[in-house]
């Protein structure tokens, strides 16, 4: 697959670093790695990605669902929720943002590879 520009929105630094390292090994570029909704919106405007990997629980006032809603209001960039917290009510709230999908934590390279295989049809060539 061609290289994708990916923004990581994750409040746990070690998890964000591990995800970024996996993406780089797979040949993708991390445009930004941020831990709050406000930082995600700023990074999204400054360094537009092809894909957003979004945790639901974030630092600051906005959670990942609110952040995804703001991103999707102005963009059709796919958002994938990467989270360990997926109860039914949270899934319903998240589904309202029309995410590309949900990927459970801990994320691994096989999960990422499967995700990018599904994304081939929507990412720019």
PDB file of N, CA and C in Angstrom:
ATOM      1  N   UNK A   1       0.844  -1.181   0.000  1.00  0.00           N
ATOM      2  CA  UNK A   1       0.000   0.000   0.000  1.00  0.00           C
ATOM      3  C   UNK A   1       0.879   1.230   0.000  1.00  0.00           C
ATOM      4  N   UNK A   2       0.384   2.294  -0.576  1.00  0.00           N
ATOM      5  CA  UNK A   2       1.126   3.544  -0.541  1.00  0.00           C
ATOM      6  C   UNK A   2       1.157   4.081   0.881  1.00  0.00           C
ATOM      7  N   UNK A   3       2.124   4.920   1.116  1.00  0.00           N
ATOM      8  CA  UNK A   3       2.289   5.510   2.439  1.00  0.00           C
ATOM      9  C   UNK A   3       1.114   6.425   2.770  1.00  0.00           C
ATOM     10  N   UNK A   4       0.618   6.323   3.990  1.00  0.00           N
ATOM     11  CA  UNK A   4      -0.473   7.176   4.453  1.00  0.00           C
ATOM     12  C   UNK A   4       0.058   8.136   5.510  1.00  0.00           C
ATOM     13  N   UNK A   5      -0.551   9.304   5.572  1.00  0.00           N
ATOM     14  CA  UNK A   5      -0.249  10.277   6.632  1.00  0.00           C
ATOM     15  C   UNK A   5      -1.275  10.044   7.736  1.00  0.00           C
ATOM     16  N   UNK A   6      -0.775   9.740   8.940  1.00  0.00           N
ATOM     17  CA  UNK A   6      -1.648   9.348  10.043  1.00  0.00           C
ATOM     18  C   UNK A   6      -1.437  10.268  11.240  1.00  0.00           C
ATOM     19  N   UNK A   7      -2.531  10.742  11.808  1.00  0.00           N
ATOM     20  CA  UNK A   7      -2.471  11.505  13.052  1.00  0.00           C
ATOM     21  C   UNK A   7      -2.900  10.580  14.186  1.00  0.00           C
ATOM     22  N   UNK A   8      -2.098  10.562  15.250  1.00  0.00           N
ATOM     23  CA  UNK A   8      -2.391   9.764  16.440  1.00  0.00           C
ATOM     24  C   UNK A   8      -2.916  10.703  17.522  1.00  0.00           C
ATOM     25  N   UNK A   9      -4.095  10.393  18.053  1.00  0.00           N
ATOM     26  CA  UNK A   9      -4.668  11.167  19.158  1.00  0.00           C
ATOM     27  C   UNK A   9      -4.801  10.198  20.324  1.00  0.00           C
ATOM     28  N   UNK A  10      -3.863  10.296  21.256  1.00  0.00           N
ATOM     29  CA  UNK A  10      -3.736   9.339  22.355  1.00  0.00           C
ATOM     30  C   UNK A  10      -3.104  10.034  23.544  1.00  0.00           C
ATOM     31  N   UNK A  11      -3.752   9.955  24.712  1.00  0.00           N
ATOM     32  CA  UNK A  11      -3.234  10.653  25.890  1.00  0.00           C
ATOM     33  C   UNK A  11      -2.170   9.867  26.652  1.00  0.00           C
ATOM     34  N   UNK A  12      -1.989   8.599  26.345  1.00  0.00           N
ATOM     35  CA  UNK A  12      -0.943   7.807  26.998  1.00  0.00           C
ATOM     36  C   UNK A  12       0.305   7.837  26.116  1.00  0.00           C
ATOM     37  N   UNK A  13       1.355   8.516  26.584  1.00  0.00           N
ATOM     38  CA  UNK A  13       2.559   8.746  25.782  1.00  0.00           C
ATOM     39  C   UNK A  13       3.193   7.455  25.291  1.00  0.00           C
ATOM     40  N   UNK A  14       3.276   6.453  26.138  1.00  0.00           N
ATOM     41  CA  UNK A  14       3.915   5.196  25.729  1.00  0.00           C
ATOM     42  C   UNK A  14       3.117   4.520  24.620  1.00  0.00           C
ATOM     43  N   UNK A  15       1.798   4.538  24.745  1.00  0.00           N
ATOM     44  CA  UNK A  15       0.943   3.952  23.706  1.00  0.00           C
ATOM     45  C   UNK A  15       1.089   4.713  22.396  1.00  0.00           C
ATOM     46  N   UNK A  16       1.122   6.031  22.466  1.00  0.00           N
ATOM     47  CA  UNK A  16       1.287   6.856  21.263  1.00  0.00           C
ATOM     48  C   UNK A  16       2.635   6.576  20.598  1.00  0.00           C
ATOM     49  N   UNK A  17       3.694   6.467  21.395  1.00  0.00           N
ATOM     50  CA  UNK A  17       5.020   6.186  20.832  1.00  0.00           C
ATOM     51  C   UNK A  17       5.058   4.810  20.175  1.00  0.00           C
ATOM     52  N   UNK A  18       4.463   3.817  20.808  1.00  0.00           N
ATOM     53  CA  UNK A  18       4.445   2.469  20.237  1.00  0.00           C
ATOM     54  C   UNK A  18       3.652   2.433  18.933  1.00  0.00           C
ATOM     55  N   UNK A  19       2.524   3.119  18.907  1.00  0.00           N
ATOM     56  CA  UNK A  19       1.717   3.181  17.687  1.00  0.00           C
ATOM     57  C   UNK A  19       2.480   3.884  16.579  1.00  0.00           C
ATOM     58  N   UNK A  20       3.120   4.994  16.907  1.00  0.00           N
ATOM     59  CA  UNK A  20       3.916   5.716  15.919  1.00  0.00           C
ATOM     60  C   UNK A  20       5.043   4.867  15.363  1.00  0.00           C
ATOM     61  N   UNK A  21       5.711   4.121  16.219  1.00  0.00           N
ATOM     62  CA  UNK A  21       6.803   3.246  15.772  1.00  0.00           C
ATOM     63  C   UNK A  21       6.279   2.157  14.830  1.00  0.00           C
ATOM     64  N   UNK A  22       5.125   1.578  15.156  1.00  0.00           N
ATOM     65  CA  UNK A  22       4.528   0.565  14.284  1.00  0.00           C
ATOM     66  C   UNK A  22       4.199   1.159  12.916  1.00  0.00           C
ATOM     67  N   UNK A  23       3.581   2.340  12.930  1.00  0.00           N
ATOM     68  CA  UNK A  23       3.207   2.982  11.669  1.00  0.00           C
ATOM     69  C   UNK A  23       4.436   3.257  10.810  1.00  0.00           C
ATOM     70  N   UNK A  24       5.492   3.751  11.429  1.00  0.00           N
ATOM     71  CA  UNK A  24       6.721   4.044  10.677  1.00  0.00           C
ATOM     72  C   UNK A  24       7.332   2.771  10.106  1.00  0.00           C
ATOM     73  N   UNK A  25       7.349   1.682  10.885  1.00  0.00           N
ATOM     74  CA  UNK A  25       7.871   0.405  10.378  1.00  0.00           C
ATOM     75  C   UNK A  25       7.071  -0.083   9.174  1.00  0.00           C
ATOM     76  N   UNK A  26       5.795   0.268   9.168  1.00  0.00           N
ATOM     77  CA  UNK A  26       4.925  -0.146   8.070  1.00  0.00           C
ATOM     78  C   UNK A  26       5.031   0.788   6.863  1.00  0.00           C
ATOM     79  N   UNK A  27       5.826   1.855   6.995  1.00  0.00           N
ATOM     80  CA  UNK A  27       6.033   2.764   5.876  1.00  0.00           C
ATOM     81  C   UNK A  27       5.119   3.969   5.841  1.00  0.00           C
ATOM     82  N   UNK A  28       4.386   4.213   6.923  1.00  0.00           N
ATOM     83  CA  UNK A  28       3.481   5.355   6.980  1.00  0.00           C
ATOM     84  C   UNK A  28       4.136   6.519   7.707  1.00  0.00           C
ATOM     85  N   UNK A  29       3.583   7.706   7.537  1.00  0.00           N
ATOM     86  CA  UNK A  29       4.123   8.919   8.159  1.00  0.00           C
ATOM     87  C   UNK A  29       3.163   9.390   9.244  1.00  0.00           C
ATOM     88  N   UNK A  30       3.702   9.671  10.423  1.00  0.00           N
ATOM     89  CA  UNK A  30       2.898  10.237  11.503  1.00  0.00           C
ATOM     90  C   UNK A  30       2.955  11.755  11.368  1.00  0.00           C
ATOM     91  N   UNK A  31       1.808  12.366  11.076  1.00  0.00           N
ATOM     92  CA  UNK A  31       1.763  13.822  10.898  1.00  0.00           C
ATOM     93  C   UNK A  31       1.771  14.544  12.235  1.00  0.00           C
ATOM     94  N   UNK A  32       1.179  13.913  13.261  1.00  0.00           N
ATOM     95  CA  UNK A  32       1.138  14.501  14.603  1.00  0.00           C
ATOM     96  C   UNK A  32       0.756  13.409  15.583  1.00  0.00           C
ATOM     97  N   UNK A  33       1.224  13.571  16.811  1.00  0.00           N
ATOM     98  CA  UNK A  33       0.843  12.688  17.901  1.00  0.00           C
ATOM     99  C   UNK A  33       0.510  13.593  19.080  1.00  0.00           C
ATOM    100  N   UNK A  34      -0.766  13.658  19.427  1.00  0.00           N
ATOM    101  CA  UNK A  34      -1.231  14.603  20.439  1.00  0.00           C
ATOM    102  C   UNK A  34      -2.102  13.890  21.461  1.00  0.00           C
ATOM    103  N   UNK A  35      -2.286  14.523  22.634  1.00  0.00           N
ATOM    104  CA  UNK A  35      -3.010  13.878  23.712  1.00  0.00           C
ATOM    105  C   UNK A  35      -4.315  14.518  24.125  1.00  0.00           C
ATOM    106  N   UNK A  36      -4.711  15.602  23.454  1.00  0.00           N
ATOM    107  CA  UNK A  36      -5.966  16.264  23.818  1.00  0.00           C
ATOM    108  C   UNK A  36      -6.760  16.602  22.565  1.00  0.00           C
ATOM    109  N   UNK A  37      -8.057  16.824  22.766  1.00  0.00           N
ATOM    110  CA  UNK A  37      -8.907  17.187  21.644  1.00  0.00           C
ATOM    111  C   UNK A  37      -8.516  18.515  21.018  1.00  0.00           C
ATOM    112  N   UNK A  38      -8.215  19.509  21.858  1.00  0.00           N
ATOM    113  CA  UNK A  38      -7.833  20.825  21.329  1.00  0.00           C
ATOM    114  C   UNK A  38      -6.565  20.723  20.498  1.00  0.00           C
ATOM    115  N   UNK A  39      -5.581  19.978  20.994  1.00  0.00           N
ATOM    116  CA  UNK A  39      -4.329  19.806  20.241  1.00  0.00           C
ATOM    117  C   UNK A  39      -4.585  19.044  18.945  1.00  0.00           C
ATOM    118  N   UNK A  40      -5.511  18.090  18.971  1.00  0.00           N
ATOM    119  CA  UNK A  40      -5.840  17.331  17.769  1.00  0.00           C
ATOM    120  C   UNK A  40      -6.446  18.223  16.692  1.00  0.00           C
ATOM    121  N   UNK A  41      -7.354  19.105  17.080  1.00  0.00           N
ATOM    122  CA  UNK A  41      -7.976  19.997  16.098  1.00  0.00           C
ATOM    123  C   UNK A  41      -6.948  20.938  15.480  1.00  0.00           C
ATOM    124  N   UNK A  42      -6.039  21.453  16.290  1.00  0.00           N
ATOM    125  CA  UNK A  42      -4.976  22.327  15.783  1.00  0.00           C
ATOM    126  C   UNK A  42      -4.053  21.557  14.840  1.00  0.00           C
ATOM    127  N   UNK A  43      -3.614  20.375  15.249  1.00  0.00           N
ATOM    128  CA  UNK A  43      -2.720  19.570  14.416  1.00  0.00           C
ATOM    129  C   UNK A  43      -3.410  19.150  13.115  1.00  0.00           C
ATOM    130  N   UNK A  44      -4.700  18.846  13.192  1.00  0.00           N
ATOM    131  CA  UNK A  44      -5.446  18.447  12.004  1.00  0.00           C
ATOM    132  C   UNK A  44      -5.451  19.569  10.963  1.00  0.00           C
ATOM    133  N   UNK A  45      -5.628  20.801  11.433  1.00  0.00           N
ATOM    134  CA  UNK A  45      -5.629  21.953  10.518  1.00  0.00           C
ATOM    135  C   UNK A  45      -4.234  22.208   9.944  1.00  0.00           C
ATOM    136  N   UNK A  46      -3.227  22.083  10.769  1.00  0.00           N
ATOM    137  CA  UNK A  46      -1.856  22.402  10.342  1.00  0.00           C
ATOM    138  C   UNK A  46      -1.221  21.316   9.484  1.00  0.00           C
ATOM    139  N   UNK A  47      -1.499  20.058   9.786  1.00  0.00           N
ATOM    140  CA  UNK A  47      -0.864  18.928   9.101  1.00  0.00           C
ATOM    141  C   UNK A  47      -1.932  17.899   8.726  1.00  0.00           C
ATOM    142  N   UNK A  48      -2.718  18.189   7.700  1.00  0.00           N
ATOM    143  CA  UNK A  48      -3.849  17.321   7.355  1.00  0.00           C
ATOM    144  C   UNK A  48      -3.423  15.868   7.094  1.00  0.00           C
ATOM    145  N   UNK A  49      -4.024  14.922   7.821  1.00  0.00           N
ATOM    146  CA  UNK A  49      -3.698  13.509   7.632  1.00  0.00           C
ATOM    147  C   UNK A  49      -4.644  12.837   6.636  1.00  0.00           C
ATOM    148  N   UNK A  50      -4.304  11.597   6.287  1.00  0.00           N
ATOM    149  CA  UNK A  50      -5.200  10.744   5.499  1.00  0.00           C
ATOM    150  C   UNK A  50      -6.106   9.925   6.412  1.00  0.00           C
ATOM    151  N   UNK A  51      -5.666   9.768   7.677  1.00  0.00           N
ATOM    152  CA  UNK A  51      -6.366   8.928   8.637  1.00  0.00           C
ATOM    153  C   UNK A  51      -6.087   9.446  10.041  1.00  0.00           C
ATOM    154  N   UNK A  52      -7.083   9.357  10.921  1.00  0.00           N
ATOM    155  CA  UNK A  52      -6.918   9.717  12.332  1.00  0.00           C
ATOM    156  C   UNK A  52      -7.164   8.477  13.182  1.00  0.00           C
ATOM    157  N   UNK A  53      -6.183   8.119  14.005  1.00  0.00           N
ATOM    158  CA  UNK A  53      -6.348   7.074  15.009  1.00  0.00           C
ATOM    159  C   UNK A  53      -6.667   7.783  16.315  1.00  0.00           C
ATOM    160  N   UNK A  54      -7.882   7.595  16.827  1.00  0.00           N
ATOM    161  CA  UNK A  54      -8.406   8.410  17.929  1.00  0.00           C
ATOM    162  C   UNK A  54      -8.757   7.569  19.152  1.00  0.00           C
ATOM    163  N   UNK A  55      -8.120   7.899  20.282  1.00  0.00           N
ATOM    164  CA  UNK A  55      -8.529   7.304  21.556  1.00  0.00           C
ATOM    165  C   UNK A  55      -9.814   8.006  21.993  1.00  0.00           C
ATOM    166  N   UNK A  56     -10.638   7.351  22.768  1.00  0.00           N
ATOM    167  CA  UNK A  56     -11.869   7.988  23.235  1.00  0.00           C
ATOM    168  C   UNK A  56     -11.609   8.834  24.474  1.00  0.00           C
ATOM    169  N   UNK A  57     -10.807   8.338  25.378  1.00  0.00           N
ATOM    170  CA  UNK A  57     -10.477   9.103  26.591  1.00  0.00           C
ATOM    171  C   UNK A  57      -9.223   9.919  26.327  1.00  0.00           C
ATOM    172  N   UNK A  58      -9.357  11.236  26.458  1.00  0.00           N
ATOM    173  CA  UNK A  58      -8.250  12.151  26.182  1.00  0.00           C
ATOM    174  C   UNK A  58      -8.060  13.121  27.333  1.00  0.00           C
ATOM    175  N   UNK A  59      -6.907  13.761  27.355  1.00  0.00           N
ATOM    176  CA  UNK A  59      -6.675  14.855  28.294  1.00  0.00           C
ATOM    177  C   UNK A  59      -7.510  16.057  27.860  1.00  0.00           C
ATOM    178  N   UNK A  60      -7.848  16.928  28.795  1.00  0.00           N
ATOM    179  CA  UNK A  60      -8.545  18.163  28.473  1.00  0.00           C
ATOM    180  C   UNK A  60     -10.053  18.033  28.519  1.00  0.00           C
ATOM    181  N   UNK A  61     -10.714  19.056  27.984  1.00  0.00           N
ATOM    182  CA  UNK A  61     -12.170  19.169  28.070  1.00  0.00           C
ATOM    183  C   UNK A  61     -12.933  18.306  27.065  1.00  0.00           C
ATOM    184  N   UNK A  62     -12.321  18.005  25.928  1.00  0.00           N
ATOM    185  CA  UNK A  62     -12.998  17.235  24.878  1.00  0.00           C
ATOM    186  C   UNK A  62     -12.536  15.783  24.918  1.00  0.00           C
ATOM    187  N   UNK A  63     -13.473  14.856  24.796  1.00  0.00           N
ATOM    188  CA  UNK A  63     -13.058  13.468  24.651  1.00  0.00           C
ATOM    189  C   UNK A  63     -12.868  13.170  23.158  1.00  0.00           C
ATOM    190  N   UNK A  64     -12.486  11.955  22.851  1.00  0.00           N
ATOM    191  CA  UNK A  64     -12.222  11.594  21.462  1.00  0.00           C
ATOM    192  C   UNK A  64     -13.447  11.649  20.582  1.00  0.00           C
ATOM    193  N   UNK A  65     -14.606  11.356  21.152  1.00  0.00           N
ATOM    194  CA  UNK A  65     -15.842  11.387  20.373  1.00  0.00           C
ATOM    195  C   UNK A  65     -16.170  12.824  19.971  1.00  0.00           C
ATOM    196  N   UNK A  66     -16.079  13.751  20.910  1.00  0.00           N
ATOM    197  CA  UNK A  66     -16.327  15.170  20.586  1.00  0.00           C
ATOM    198  C   UNK A  66     -15.297  15.676  19.570  1.00  0.00           C
ATOM    199  N   UNK A  67     -14.052  15.242  19.727  1.00  0.00           N
ATOM    200  CA  UNK A  67     -13.002  15.651  18.801  1.00  0.00           C
ATOM    201  C   UNK A  67     -13.280  15.097  17.407  1.00  0.00           C
ATOM    202  N   UNK A  68     -13.674  13.836  17.331  1.00  0.00           N
ATOM    203  CA  UNK A  68     -14.004  13.235  16.036  1.00  0.00           C
ATOM    204  C   UNK A  68     -15.179  13.960  15.387  1.00  0.00           C
ATOM    205  N   UNK A  69     -16.166  14.320  16.191  1.00  0.00           N
ATOM    206  CA  UNK A  69     -17.330  15.049  15.668  1.00  0.00           C
ATOM    207  C   UNK A  69     -16.889  16.371  15.032  1.00  0.00           C
ATOM    208  N   UNK A  70     -15.986  17.089  15.701  1.00  0.00           N
ATOM    209  CA  UNK A  70     -15.490  18.361  15.166  1.00  0.00           C
ATOM    210  C   UNK A  70     -14.686  18.153  13.880  1.00  0.00           C
ATOM    211  N   UNK A  71     -13.885  17.117  13.842  1.00  0.00           N
ATOM    212  CA  UNK A  71     -13.101  16.827  12.635  1.00  0.00           C
ATOM    213  C   UNK A  71     -14.026  16.455  11.492  1.00  0.00           C
ATOM    214  N   UNK A  72     -14.990  15.588  11.752  1.00  0.00           N
ATOM    215  CA  UNK A  72     -15.889  15.111  10.701  1.00  0.00           C
ATOM    216  C   UNK A  72     -16.852  16.190  10.217  1.00  0.00           C
ATOM    217  N   UNK A  73     -17.055  17.248  10.999  1.00  0.00           N
ATOM    218  CA  UNK A  73     -17.939  18.335  10.570  1.00  0.00           C
ATOM    219  C   UNK A  73     -17.375  19.056   9.348  1.00  0.00           C
ATOM    220  N   UNK A  74     -16.061  19.081   9.223  1.00  0.00           N
ATOM    221  CA  UNK A  74     -15.421  19.819   8.133  1.00  0.00           C
ATOM    222  C   UNK A  74     -14.624  18.944   7.181  1.00  0.00           C
ATOM    223  N   UNK A  75     -14.602  17.634   7.392  1.00  0.00           N
ATOM    224  CA  UNK A  75     -13.703  16.784   6.625  1.00  0.00           C
ATOM    225  C   UNK A  75     -14.276  15.383   6.474  1.00  0.00           C
ATOM    226  N   UNK A  76     -13.871  14.709   5.408  1.00  0.00           N
ATOM    227  CA  UNK A  76     -14.264  13.313   5.244  1.00  0.00           C
ATOM    228  C   UNK A  76     -13.103  12.364   5.543  1.00  0.00           C
ATOM    229  N   UNK A  77     -12.056  12.878   6.212  1.00  0.00           N
ATOM    230  CA  UNK A  77     -10.926  12.039   6.595  1.00  0.00           C
ATOM    231  C   UNK A  77     -11.428  10.952   7.541  1.00  0.00           C
ATOM    232  N   UNK A  78     -11.100   9.687   7.268  1.00  0.00           N
ATOM    233  CA  UNK A  78     -11.560   8.601   8.136  1.00  0.00           C
ATOM    234  C   UNK A  78     -10.982   8.708   9.547  1.00  0.00           C
ATOM    235  N   UNK A  79     -11.846   8.449  10.516  1.00  0.00           N
ATOM    236  CA  UNK A  79     -11.450   8.407  11.923  1.00  0.00           C
ATOM    237  C   UNK A  79     -11.700   6.986  12.417  1.00  0.00           C
ATOM    238  N   UNK A  80     -10.675   6.414  13.044  1.00  0.00           N
ATOM    239  CA  UNK A  80     -10.778   5.082  13.638  1.00  0.00           C
ATOM    240  C   UNK A  80     -10.571   5.235  15.131  1.00  0.00           C
ATOM    241  N   UNK A  81     -11.517   4.750  15.915  1.00  0.00           N
ATOM    242  CA  UNK A  81     -11.368   4.792  17.362  1.00  0.00           C
ATOM    243  C   UNK A  81     -10.519   3.604  17.805  1.00  0.00           C
ATOM    244  N   UNK A  82      -9.463   3.900  18.540  1.00  0.00           N
ATOM    245  CA  UNK A  82      -8.572   2.890  19.101  1.00  0.00           C
ATOM    246  C   UNK A  82      -8.727   3.007  20.607  1.00  0.00           C
ATOM    247  N   UNK A  83      -9.406   2.050  21.208  1.00  0.00           N
ATOM    248  CA  UNK A  83      -9.725   2.216  22.617  1.00  0.00           C
ATOM    249  C   UNK A  83      -9.960   0.892  23.321  1.00  0.00           C
ATOM    250  N   UNK A  84      -9.715   0.905  24.605  1.00  0.00           N
ATOM    251  CA  UNK A  84     -10.043  -0.243  25.440  1.00  0.00           C
ATOM    252  C   UNK A  84     -11.434  -0.061  26.042  1.00  0.00           C
ATOM    253  N   UNK A  85     -11.988   1.130  25.929  1.00  0.00           N
ATOM    254  CA  UNK A  85     -13.247   1.488  26.567  1.00  0.00           C
ATOM    255  C   UNK A  85     -14.354   1.521  25.517  1.00  0.00           C
ATOM    256  N   UNK A  86     -15.078   0.411  25.366  1.00  0.00           N
ATOM    257  CA  UNK A  86     -16.081   0.321  24.312  1.00  0.00           C
ATOM    258  C   UNK A  86     -17.407  -0.251  24.803  1.00  0.00           C
ATOM    259  N   UNK A  87     -17.955   0.297  25.883  1.00  0.00           N
ATOM    260  CA  UNK A  87     -19.270  -0.152  26.328  1.00  0.00           C
ATOM    261  C   UNK A  87     -20.324   0.294  25.310  1.00  0.00           C
ATOM    262  N   UNK A  88     -21.514  -0.246  25.426  1.00  0.00           N
ATOM    263  CA  UNK A  88     -22.568   0.001  24.431  1.00  0.00           C
ATOM    264  C   UNK A  88     -22.923   1.478  24.295  1.00  0.00           C
ATOM    265  N   UNK A  89     -23.030   2.193  25.405  1.00  0.00           N
ATOM    266  CA  UNK A  89     -23.387   3.610  25.334  1.00  0.00           C
ATOM    267  C   UNK A  89     -22.286   4.414  24.637  1.00  0.00           C
ATOM    268  N   UNK A  90     -21.032   4.115  24.943  1.00  0.00           N
ATOM    269  CA  UNK A  90     -19.913   4.811  24.302  1.00  0.00           C
ATOM    270  C   UNK A  90     -19.888   4.497  22.809  1.00  0.00           C
ATOM    271  N   UNK A  91     -20.118   3.245  22.457  1.00  0.00           N
ATOM    272  CA  UNK A  91     -20.157   2.869  21.032  1.00  0.00           C
ATOM    273  C   UNK A  91     -21.263   3.617  20.294  1.00  0.00           C
ATOM    274  N   UNK A  92     -22.431   3.742  20.920  1.00  0.00           N
ATOM    275  CA  UNK A  92     -23.537   4.483  20.280  1.00  0.00           C
ATOM    276  C   UNK A  92     -23.150   5.940  20.060  1.00  0.00           C
ATOM    277  N   UNK A  93     -22.565   6.564  21.090  1.00  0.00           N
ATOM    278  CA  UNK A  93     -22.114   7.962  20.952  1.00  0.00           C
ATOM    279  C   UNK A  93     -21.083   8.082  19.842  1.00  0.00           C
ATOM    280  N   UNK A  94     -20.130   7.175  19.834  1.00  0.00           N
ATOM    281  CA  UNK A  94     -19.065   7.216  18.824  1.00  0.00           C
ATOM    282  C   UNK A  94     -19.621   6.970  17.424  1.00  0.00           C
ATOM    283  N   UNK A  95     -20.594   6.080  17.301  1.00  0.00           N
ATOM    284  CA  UNK A  95     -21.175   5.762  15.997  1.00  0.00           C
ATOM    285  C   UNK A  95     -21.813   6.988  15.346  1.00  0.00           C
ATOM    286  N   UNK A  96     -22.268   7.939  16.155  1.00  0.00           N
ATOM    287  CA  UNK A  96     -22.866   9.166  15.620  1.00  0.00           C
ATOM    288  C   UNK A  96     -21.866  10.004  14.826  1.00  0.00           C
ATOM    289  N   UNK A  97     -20.574   9.752  14.986  1.00  0.00           N
ATOM    290  CA  UNK A  97     -19.540  10.504  14.257  1.00  0.00           C
ATOM    291  C   UNK A  97     -19.177   9.840  12.932  1.00  0.00           C
ATOM    292  N   UNK A  98     -19.836   8.732  12.607  1.00  0.00           N
ATOM    293  CA  UNK A  98     -19.553   7.955  11.391  1.00  0.00           C
ATOM    294  C   UNK A  98     -18.086   7.558  11.291  1.00  0.00           C
ATOM    295  N   UNK A  99     -17.567   6.856  12.309  1.00  0.00           N
ATOM    296  CA  UNK A  99     -16.165   6.447  12.251  1.00  0.00           C
ATOM    297  C   UNK A  99     -15.953   5.359  11.208  1.00  0.00           C
ATOM    298  N   UNK A 100     -14.718   5.239  10.741  1.00  0.00           N
ATOM    299  CA  UNK A 100     -14.387   4.156   9.825  1.00  0.00           C
ATOM    300  C   UNK A 100     -14.419   2.822  10.564  1.00  0.00           C
ATOM    301  N   UNK A 101     -14.180   2.870  11.878  1.00  0.00           N
ATOM    302  CA  UNK A 101     -14.240   1.648  12.654  1.00  0.00           C
ATOM    303  C   UNK A 101     -13.719   1.812  14.060  1.00  0.00           C
ATOM    304  N   UNK A 102     -13.668   0.685  14.753  1.00  0.00           N
ATOM    305  CA  UNK A 102     -13.140   0.588  16.109  1.00  0.00           C
ATOM    306  C   UNK A 102     -12.054  -0.467  16.100  1.00  0.00           C
ATOM    307  N   UNK A 103     -10.936  -0.175  16.756  1.00  0.00           N
ATOM    308  CA  UNK A 103      -9.863  -1.142  16.897  1.00  0.00           C
ATOM    309  C   UNK A 103      -9.543  -1.211  18.390  1.00  0.00           C
ATOM    310  N   UNK A 104      -9.512  -2.412  18.955  1.00  0.00           N
ATOM    311  CA  UNK A 104      -9.270  -2.525  20.402  1.00  0.00           C
ATOM    312  C   UNK A 104      -7.805  -2.314  20.762  1.00  0.00           C
ATOM    313  N   UNK A 105      -7.605  -1.808  21.988  1.00  0.00           N
ATOM    314  CA  UNK A 105      -6.264  -1.749  22.558  1.00  0.00           C
ATOM    315  C   UNK A 105      -6.006  -3.081  23.247  1.00  0.00           C
ATOM    316  N   UNK A 106      -4.800  -3.538  23.326  1.00  0.00           N
ATOM    317  CA  UNK A 106      -3.604  -2.923  22.749  1.00  0.00           C
ATOM    318  C   UNK A 106      -3.541  -3.187  21.246  1.00  0.00           C
ATOM    319  N   UNK A 107      -3.162  -2.186  20.517  1.00  0.00           N
ATOM    320  CA  UNK A 107      -3.046  -2.245  19.066  1.00  0.00           C
ATOM    321  C   UNK A 107      -1.785  -3.014  18.693  1.00  0.00           C
ATOM    322  N   UNK A 108      -1.877  -3.793  17.623  1.00  0.00           N
ATOM    323  CA  UNK A 108      -0.669  -4.469  17.144  1.00  0.00           C
ATOM    324  C   UNK A 108      -0.557  -4.300  15.629  1.00  0.00           C
ATOM    325  N   UNK A 109       0.585  -4.709  15.086  1.00  0.00           N
ATOM    326  CA  UNK A 109       0.830  -4.489  13.658  1.00  0.00           C
ATOM    327  C   UNK A 109      -0.138  -5.258  12.774  1.00  0.00           C
ATOM    328  N   UNK A 110      -0.586  -6.417  13.214  1.00  0.00           N
ATOM    329  CA  UNK A 110      -1.560  -7.172  12.419  1.00  0.00           C
ATOM    330  C   UNK A 110      -2.877  -6.409  12.317  1.00  0.00           C
ATOM    331  N   UNK A 111      -3.295  -5.807  13.429  1.00  0.00           N
ATOM    332  CA  UNK A 111      -4.530  -4.997  13.424  1.00  0.00           C
ATOM    333  C   UNK A 111      -4.364  -3.800  12.497  1.00  0.00           C
ATOM    334  N   UNK A 112      -3.207  -3.131  12.601  1.00  0.00           N
ATOM    335  CA  UNK A 112      -2.957  -1.973  11.734  1.00  0.00           C
ATOM    336  C   UNK A 112      -2.920  -2.381  10.269  1.00  0.00           C
ATOM    337  N   UNK A 113      -2.278  -3.497   9.968  1.00  0.00           N
ATOM    338  CA  UNK A 113      -2.204  -3.958   8.589  1.00  0.00           C
ATOM    339  C   UNK A 113      -3.596  -4.238   8.039  1.00  0.00           C
ATOM    340  N   UNK A 114      -4.435  -4.887   8.840  1.00  0.00           N
ATOM    341  CA  UNK A 114      -5.814  -5.163   8.414  1.00  0.00           C
ATOM    342  C   UNK A 114      -6.586  -3.858   8.205  1.00  0.00           C
ATOM    343  N   UNK A 115      -6.364  -2.896   9.072  1.00  0.00           N
ATOM    344  CA  UNK A 115      -7.017  -1.597   8.954  1.00  0.00           C
ATOM    345  C   UNK A 115      -6.623  -0.918   7.644  1.00  0.00           C
ATOM    346  N   UNK A 116      -5.329  -0.893   7.341  1.00  0.00           N
ATOM    347  CA  UNK A 116      -4.888  -0.244   6.113  1.00  0.00           C
ATOM    348  C   UNK A 116      -5.347  -0.998   4.880  1.00  0.00           C
ATOM    349  N   UNK A 117      -5.499  -2.290   4.969  1.00  0.00           N
ATOM    350  CA  UNK A 117      -6.054  -3.052   3.848  1.00  0.00           C
ATOM    351  C   UNK A 117      -7.483  -2.605   3.561  1.00  0.00           C
ATOM    352  N   UNK A 118      -8.263  -2.376   4.618  1.00  0.00           N
ATOM    353  CA  UNK A 118      -9.648  -1.898   4.447  1.00  0.00           C
ATOM    354  C   UNK A 118      -9.692  -0.465   3.931  1.00  0.00           C
ATOM    355  N   UNK A 119      -8.675   0.322   4.264  1.00  0.00           N
ATOM    356  CA  UNK A 119      -8.659   1.735   3.890  1.00  0.00           C
ATOM    357  C   UNK A 119      -8.191   1.999   2.460  1.00  0.00           C
ATOM    358  N   UNK A 120      -7.629   1.005   1.803  1.00  0.00           N
ATOM    359  CA  UNK A 120      -7.094   1.228   0.456  1.00  0.00           C
ATOM    360  C   UNK A 120      -8.077   1.938  -0.467  1.00  0.00           C
ATOM    361  N   UNK A 121      -9.341   1.600  -0.355  1.00  0.00           N
ATOM    362  CA  UNK A 121     -10.356   2.154  -1.261  1.00  0.00           C
ATOM    363  C   UNK A 121     -10.653   3.626  -0.979  1.00  0.00           C
ATOM    364  N   UNK A 122     -10.377   4.105   0.249  1.00  0.00           N
ATOM    365  CA  UNK A 122     -10.746   5.488   0.582  1.00  0.00           C
ATOM    366  C   UNK A 122      -9.556   6.439   0.670  1.00  0.00           C
ATOM    367  N   UNK A 123      -8.343   5.902   0.772  1.00  0.00           N
ATOM    368  CA  UNK A 123      -7.177   6.790   0.856  1.00  0.00           C
ATOM    369  C   UNK A 123      -6.752   7.232  -0.535  1.00  0.00           C
ATOM    370  N   UNK A 124      -6.223   8.447  -0.648  1.00  0.00           N
ATOM    371  CA  UNK A 124      -5.749   8.898  -1.955  1.00  0.00           C
ATOM    372  C   UNK A 124      -4.591   8.039  -2.435  1.00  0.00           C
ATOM    373  N   UNK A 125      -4.492   7.870  -3.734  1.00  0.00           N
ATOM    374  CA  UNK A 125      -3.409   7.059  -4.320  1.00  0.00           C
ATOM    375  C   UNK A 125      -2.074   7.718  -4.202  1.00  0.00           C
TER     376      UNK A 125
END
